[in-house]
Amino acid sequence: MTFHRYDHFVGKTGTDRARDTFDETLGTDFRGSWRQTLTSLGDQAVIHDPAKLPPNPVNRIGALILQANVVVHITYEGALPPGPAAHEVERLARQAMSEIGPSFHHRLLGLVQV
């Protein structure tokens, strides 16, 4: 699991930089039909669609979440079948996002996006 918090840099807000990273990762790791949306999680969130992944000895399921200027990427690699692995990744994603407080997203009590 990785958390990246982006700050203002060279004319871009941290939120813009986080969105750029999120969009770039969507295009490489979460292509088209291989993903499904996670609802009620961050500004935008996706997970690999377990129905599209054939069972393998080692299954890989990932989730990507954007919340303001923060990008969270969770990856599971293990022996769980795709459905249970996706359920576990979603549980971890929801838990991780509940741990991020407003001060982690914004400066000045949320009045200024970074």
N, C-alpha and C. Protein backbone atom coordinates (compact mmCIF):
# COMPACT_ATOMS: atom_id res chain seq x y z
N MET A 1 0.86 -1.16 0.00
CA MET A 1 0.00 0.00 0.00
C MET A 1 0.90 1.22 0.00
N THR A 2 0.60 2.15 -0.89
CA THR A 2 1.35 3.40 -0.92
C THR A 2 0.40 4.58 -0.84
N PHE A 3 0.83 5.59 -0.10
CA PHE A 3 0.13 6.87 -0.01
C PHE A 3 1.07 7.92 -0.58
N HIS A 4 0.60 8.71 -1.52
CA HIS A 4 1.38 9.83 -2.01
C HIS A 4 0.58 11.10 -1.82
N ARG A 5 1.17 12.05 -1.13
CA ARG A 5 0.54 13.36 -0.92
C ARG A 5 1.30 14.37 -1.75
N TYR A 6 0.59 15.12 -2.57
CA TYR A 6 1.22 16.06 -3.49
C TYR A 6 1.01 17.49 -3.00
N ASP A 7 2.07 18.29 -3.08
CA ASP A 7 2.03 19.70 -2.73
C ASP A 7 2.09 20.54 -4.00
N HIS A 8 1.80 21.82 -3.84
CA HIS A 8 1.90 22.79 -4.92
C HIS A 8 3.35 22.79 -5.43
N PHE A 9 3.49 22.79 -6.78
CA PHE A 9 4.83 22.82 -7.35
C PHE A 9 4.74 23.35 -8.77
N VAL A 10 5.52 24.36 -9.07
CA VAL A 10 5.65 24.95 -10.40
C VAL A 10 4.30 25.15 -11.09
N GLY A 11 3.47 25.98 -10.49
CA GLY A 11 2.22 26.37 -11.12
C GLY A 11 1.09 25.35 -11.08
N LYS A 12 1.28 24.22 -10.43
CA LYS A 12 0.21 23.22 -10.31
C LYS A 12 -0.09 22.99 -8.84
N THR A 13 -1.38 22.89 -8.54
CA THR A 13 -1.75 22.57 -7.17
C THR A 13 -1.42 21.11 -6.89
N GLY A 14 -1.37 20.76 -5.63
CA GLY A 14 -1.17 19.37 -5.26
C GLY A 14 -2.30 18.50 -5.75
N THR A 15 -3.52 19.05 -5.77
CA THR A 15 -4.67 18.32 -6.26
C THR A 15 -4.53 18.02 -7.75
N ASP A 16 -4.05 19.01 -8.52
CA ASP A 16 -3.82 18.78 -9.95
C ASP A 16 -2.75 17.72 -10.18
N ARG A 17 -1.68 17.78 -9.41
CA ARG A 17 -0.60 16.80 -9.55
C ARG A 17 -1.08 15.40 -9.18
N ALA A 18 -1.90 15.30 -8.13
CA ALA A 18 -2.44 14.00 -7.73
C ALA A 18 -3.35 13.45 -8.82
N ARG A 19 -4.20 14.30 -9.40
CA ARG A 19 -5.09 13.87 -10.48
C ARG A 19 -4.28 13.39 -11.68
N ASP A 20 -3.21 14.09 -12.03
CA ASP A 20 -2.35 13.66 -13.14
C ASP A 20 -1.77 12.27 -12.89
N THR A 21 -1.29 12.04 -11.67
CA THR A 21 -0.74 10.72 -11.32
C THR A 21 -1.82 9.65 -11.36
N PHE A 22 -2.99 9.97 -10.83
CA PHE A 22 -4.10 9.03 -10.84
C PHE A 22 -4.46 8.65 -12.28
N ASP A 23 -4.61 9.65 -13.15
CA ASP A 23 -4.98 9.40 -14.55
C ASP A 23 -3.90 8.59 -15.27
N GLU A 24 -2.65 8.89 -15.00
CA GLU A 24 -1.55 8.15 -15.63
C GLU A 24 -1.56 6.69 -15.20
N THR A 25 -1.77 6.44 -13.92
CA THR A 25 -1.81 5.07 -13.41
C THR A 25 -3.02 4.32 -13.96
N LEU A 26 -4.14 5.01 -14.10
CA LEU A 26 -5.33 4.39 -14.72
C LEU A 26 -5.00 3.89 -16.12
N GLY A 27 -4.26 4.68 -16.87
CA GLY A 27 -3.95 4.33 -18.24
C GLY A 27 -2.96 3.19 -18.38
N THR A 28 -2.17 2.93 -17.35
CA THR A 28 -1.17 1.86 -17.44
C THR A 28 -1.58 0.62 -16.68
N ASP A 29 -2.02 0.76 -15.44
CA ASP A 29 -2.29 -0.41 -14.59
C ASP A 29 -3.76 -0.82 -14.55
N PHE A 30 -4.68 0.07 -14.90
CA PHE A 30 -6.11 -0.20 -14.76
C PHE A 30 -6.83 0.08 -16.07
N ARG A 31 -6.39 -0.55 -17.14
CA ARG A 31 -6.95 -0.29 -18.47
C ARG A 31 -8.40 -0.75 -18.60
N GLY A 32 -9.20 0.09 -19.26
CA GLY A 32 -10.56 -0.20 -19.72
C GLY A 32 -11.39 -1.18 -18.92
N SER A 33 -11.73 -2.29 -19.56
CA SER A 33 -12.67 -3.24 -18.96
C SER A 33 -12.06 -4.03 -17.80
N TRP A 34 -10.80 -3.84 -17.56
CA TRP A 34 -10.15 -4.56 -16.46
C TRP A 34 -10.39 -3.89 -15.12
N ARG A 35 -11.21 -2.85 -15.09
CA ARG A 35 -11.44 -2.14 -13.83
C ARG A 35 -12.93 -1.92 -13.60
N GLN A 36 -13.24 -1.71 -12.34
CA GLN A 36 -14.60 -1.31 -11.97
C GLN A 36 -14.49 -0.21 -10.92
N THR A 37 -15.50 0.63 -10.86
CA THR A 37 -15.51 1.76 -9.94
C THR A 37 -15.84 1.30 -8.53
N LEU A 38 -15.16 1.89 -7.56
CA LEU A 38 -15.51 1.70 -6.15
C LEU A 38 -16.31 2.93 -5.74
N THR A 39 -17.53 2.72 -5.28
CA THR A 39 -18.40 3.84 -4.94
C THR A 39 -18.16 4.30 -3.50
N SER A 40 -18.47 5.55 -3.26
CA SER A 40 -18.39 6.16 -1.92
C SER A 40 -17.00 6.03 -1.32
N LEU A 41 -15.99 6.25 -2.16
CA LEU A 41 -14.60 6.15 -1.69
C LEU A 41 -13.77 7.20 -2.41
N GLY A 42 -13.39 8.24 -1.69
CA GLY A 42 -12.58 9.29 -2.27
C GLY A 42 -13.31 10.06 -3.35
N ASP A 43 -12.55 10.86 -4.09
CA ASP A 43 -13.10 11.60 -5.21
C ASP A 43 -13.31 10.68 -6.41
N GLN A 44 -12.42 9.71 -6.52
CA GLN A 44 -12.49 8.73 -7.59
C GLN A 44 -11.75 7.48 -7.10
N ALA A 45 -12.29 6.30 -7.39
CA ALA A 45 -11.64 5.05 -6.96
C ALA A 45 -12.00 3.92 -7.91
N VAL A 46 -11.00 3.09 -8.20
CA VAL A 46 -11.21 1.93 -9.06
C VAL A 46 -10.50 0.72 -8.46
N ILE A 47 -10.95 -0.45 -8.89
CA ILE A 47 -10.33 -1.71 -8.48
C ILE A 47 -10.31 -2.61 -9.71
N HIS A 48 -9.34 -3.51 -9.77
CA HIS A 48 -9.35 -4.49 -10.85
C HIS A 48 -10.63 -5.32 -10.74
N ASP A 49 -11.28 -5.56 -11.85
CA ASP A 49 -12.52 -6.32 -11.88
C ASP A 49 -12.20 -7.81 -11.76
N PRO A 50 -12.54 -8.44 -10.63
CA PRO A 50 -12.19 -9.85 -10.44
C PRO A 50 -12.85 -10.78 -11.45
N ALA A 51 -14.00 -10.37 -12.01
CA ALA A 51 -14.70 -11.20 -13.00
C ALA A 51 -13.91 -11.30 -14.30
N LYS A 52 -13.02 -10.36 -14.55
CA LYS A 52 -12.23 -10.35 -15.78
C LYS A 52 -10.89 -11.06 -15.62
N LEU A 53 -10.54 -11.44 -14.39
CA LEU A 53 -9.23 -12.05 -14.14
C LEU A 53 -9.37 -13.55 -13.94
N PRO A 54 -8.70 -14.35 -14.74
CA PRO A 54 -8.77 -15.79 -14.54
C PRO A 54 -7.97 -16.18 -13.29
N PRO A 55 -8.43 -17.19 -12.55
CA PRO A 55 -7.68 -17.63 -11.38
C PRO A 55 -6.29 -18.12 -11.78
N ASN A 56 -5.31 -17.73 -11.02
CA ASN A 56 -3.92 -18.13 -11.21
C ASN A 56 -3.38 -18.59 -9.86
N PRO A 57 -2.23 -19.26 -9.84
CA PRO A 57 -1.64 -19.61 -8.55
C PRO A 57 -1.36 -18.37 -7.70
N VAL A 58 -0.98 -17.27 -8.36
CA VAL A 58 -0.79 -16.01 -7.66
C VAL A 58 -1.64 -14.97 -8.37
N ASN A 59 -2.66 -14.49 -7.69
CA ASN A 59 -3.56 -13.49 -8.25
C ASN A 59 -3.10 -12.10 -7.82
N ARG A 60 -3.28 -11.13 -8.72
CA ARG A 60 -2.89 -9.75 -8.43
C ARG A 60 -4.12 -8.86 -8.62
N ILE A 61 -4.52 -8.20 -7.54
CA ILE A 61 -5.66 -7.29 -7.55
C ILE A 61 -5.17 -5.96 -6.99
N GLY A 62 -5.54 -4.86 -7.64
CA GLY A 62 -5.13 -3.55 -7.17
C GLY A 62 -6.31 -2.61 -7.06
N ALA A 63 -6.16 -1.61 -6.21
CA ALA A 63 -7.14 -0.52 -6.08
C ALA A 63 -6.37 0.79 -6.15
N LEU A 64 -6.99 1.78 -6.74
CA LEU A 64 -6.39 3.10 -6.88
C LEU A 64 -7.43 4.12 -6.45
N ILE A 65 -7.05 4.99 -5.50
CA ILE A 65 -7.99 5.96 -4.95
C ILE A 65 -7.39 7.35 -5.04
N LEU A 66 -8.20 8.31 -5.45
CA LEU A 66 -7.81 9.72 -5.47
C LEU A 66 -8.70 10.45 -4.48
N GLN A 67 -8.09 11.20 -3.58
CA GLN A 67 -8.83 12.04 -2.63
C GLN A 67 -8.06 13.35 -2.50
N ALA A 68 -8.60 14.42 -3.09
CA ALA A 68 -7.97 15.74 -3.07
C ALA A 68 -6.54 15.64 -3.61
N ASN A 69 -5.53 15.87 -2.77
CA ASN A 69 -4.14 15.83 -3.22
C ASN A 69 -3.42 14.55 -2.80
N VAL A 70 -4.19 13.48 -2.57
CA VAL A 70 -3.63 12.21 -2.12
C VAL A 70 -4.02 11.10 -3.09
N VAL A 71 -3.04 10.26 -3.44
CA VAL A 71 -3.30 9.06 -4.24
C VAL A 71 -2.89 7.86 -3.40
N VAL A 72 -3.80 6.90 -3.27
CA VAL A 72 -3.53 5.67 -2.54
C VAL A 72 -3.60 4.52 -3.54
N HIS A 73 -2.57 3.68 -3.53
CA HIS A 73 -2.51 2.52 -4.42
C HIS A 73 -2.29 1.28 -3.55
N ILE A 74 -3.22 0.35 -3.64
CA ILE A 74 -3.15 -0.89 -2.86
C ILE A 74 -3.04 -2.05 -3.84
N THR A 75 -2.11 -2.95 -3.58
CA THR A 75 -1.94 -4.13 -4.44
C THR A 75 -1.89 -5.37 -3.58
N TYR A 76 -2.67 -6.38 -3.99
CA TYR A 76 -2.64 -7.70 -3.35
C TYR A 76 -2.06 -8.69 -4.34
N GLU A 77 -1.10 -9.47 -3.92
CA GLU A 77 -0.60 -10.60 -4.70
C GLU A 77 -0.59 -11.80 -3.78
N GLY A 78 -1.34 -12.83 -4.14
CA GLY A 78 -1.40 -14.00 -3.28
C GLY A 78 -2.28 -15.08 -3.87
N ALA A 79 -2.55 -16.08 -3.05
CA ALA A 79 -3.25 -17.28 -3.50
C ALA A 79 -4.77 -17.17 -3.44
N LEU A 80 -5.32 -16.12 -2.83
CA LEU A 80 -6.78 -15.99 -2.79
C LEU A 80 -7.32 -15.90 -4.21
N PRO A 81 -8.47 -16.52 -4.48
CA PRO A 81 -9.11 -16.36 -5.80
C PRO A 81 -9.45 -14.88 -6.03
N PRO A 82 -9.63 -14.46 -7.30
CA PRO A 82 -9.86 -13.05 -7.60
C PRO A 82 -11.00 -12.39 -6.82
N GLY A 83 -12.14 -13.06 -6.66
CA GLY A 83 -13.27 -12.46 -5.94
C GLY A 83 -12.95 -12.14 -4.49
N PRO A 84 -12.50 -13.13 -3.68
CA PRO A 84 -12.14 -12.83 -2.30
C PRO A 84 -10.96 -11.86 -2.18
N ALA A 85 -10.02 -11.93 -3.11
CA ALA A 85 -8.88 -11.00 -3.08
C ALA A 85 -9.37 -9.57 -3.29
N ALA A 86 -10.28 -9.37 -4.26
CA ALA A 86 -10.83 -8.04 -4.51
C ALA A 86 -11.61 -7.53 -3.30
N HIS A 87 -12.35 -8.41 -2.64
CA HIS A 87 -13.09 -8.02 -1.44
C HIS A 87 -12.12 -7.54 -0.35
N GLU A 88 -11.02 -8.24 -0.17
CA GLU A 88 -10.03 -7.86 0.84
C GLU A 88 -9.36 -6.54 0.48
N VAL A 89 -9.03 -6.35 -0.79
CA VAL A 89 -8.41 -5.10 -1.22
C VAL A 89 -9.38 -3.93 -1.00
N GLU A 90 -10.65 -4.12 -1.32
CA GLU A 90 -11.63 -3.06 -1.09
C GLU A 90 -11.76 -2.75 0.40
N ARG A 91 -11.76 -3.77 1.23
CA ARG A 91 -11.84 -3.54 2.68
C ARG A 91 -10.65 -2.72 3.15
N LEU A 92 -9.45 -3.07 2.69
CA LEU A 92 -8.25 -2.33 3.07
C LEU A 92 -8.29 -0.90 2.55
N ALA A 93 -8.80 -0.71 1.34
CA ALA A 93 -8.90 0.64 0.77
C ALA A 93 -9.83 1.51 1.61
N ARG A 94 -10.96 0.97 2.00
CA ARG A 94 -11.90 1.74 2.81
C ARG A 94 -11.32 2.06 4.18
N GLN A 95 -10.62 1.10 4.75
CA GLN A 95 -9.98 1.32 6.05
C GLN A 95 -8.89 2.39 5.93
N ALA A 96 -8.08 2.30 4.90
CA ALA A 96 -7.00 3.27 4.70
C ALA A 96 -7.55 4.68 4.53
N MET A 97 -8.60 4.83 3.74
CA MET A 97 -9.16 6.15 3.50
C MET A 97 -9.81 6.72 4.75
N SER A 98 -10.33 5.86 5.61
CA SER A 98 -10.93 6.36 6.85
C SER A 98 -9.86 6.89 7.81
N GLU A 99 -8.60 6.49 7.60
CA GLU A 99 -7.51 6.93 8.46
C GLU A 99 -6.92 8.27 8.03
N ILE A 100 -7.24 8.70 6.82
CA ILE A 100 -6.70 9.97 6.33
C ILE A 100 -7.61 11.09 6.80
N GLY A 101 -7.09 11.95 7.63
CA GLY A 101 -7.88 13.06 8.16
C GLY A 101 -7.86 14.24 7.22
N PRO A 102 -8.76 15.19 7.42
CA PRO A 102 -8.83 16.38 6.57
C PRO A 102 -7.52 17.15 6.50
N SER A 103 -6.74 17.18 7.56
CA SER A 103 -5.49 17.93 7.53
C SER A 103 -4.48 17.30 6.59
N PHE A 104 -4.64 16.02 6.30
CA PHE A 104 -3.76 15.36 5.35
C PHE A 104 -4.12 15.76 3.93
N HIS A 105 -5.37 16.10 3.68
CA HIS A 105 -5.84 16.48 2.35
C HIS A 105 -5.57 17.94 2.03
N HIS A 106 -5.72 18.80 2.98
CA HIS A 106 -5.68 20.23 2.72
C HIS A 106 -4.89 20.97 3.79
N ARG A 107 -4.41 22.12 3.40
CA ARG A 107 -3.79 23.03 4.36
C ARG A 107 -4.83 24.07 4.76
N LEU A 108 -4.53 24.80 5.81
CA LEU A 108 -5.39 25.89 6.27
C LEU A 108 -6.84 25.44 6.47
N LEU A 109 -7.00 24.34 7.15
CA LEU A 109 -8.31 23.81 7.51
C LEU A 109 -9.23 23.61 6.30
N GLY A 110 -8.63 23.22 5.19
CA GLY A 110 -9.43 22.90 4.01
C GLY A 110 -9.81 24.10 3.18
N LEU A 111 -9.32 25.29 3.52
CA LEU A 111 -9.70 26.48 2.76
C LEU A 111 -8.92 26.62 1.47
N VAL A 112 -7.72 26.03 1.42
CA VAL A 112 -6.86 26.14 0.24
C VAL A 112 -6.48 24.74 -0.20
N GLN A 113 -6.72 24.42 -1.46
CA GLN A 113 -6.26 23.13 -1.97
C GLN A 113 -4.76 23.22 -2.21
N VAL A 114 -4.06 22.12 -1.92
CA VAL A 114 -2.62 22.08 -2.18
C VAL A 114 -2.31 21.06 -3.23
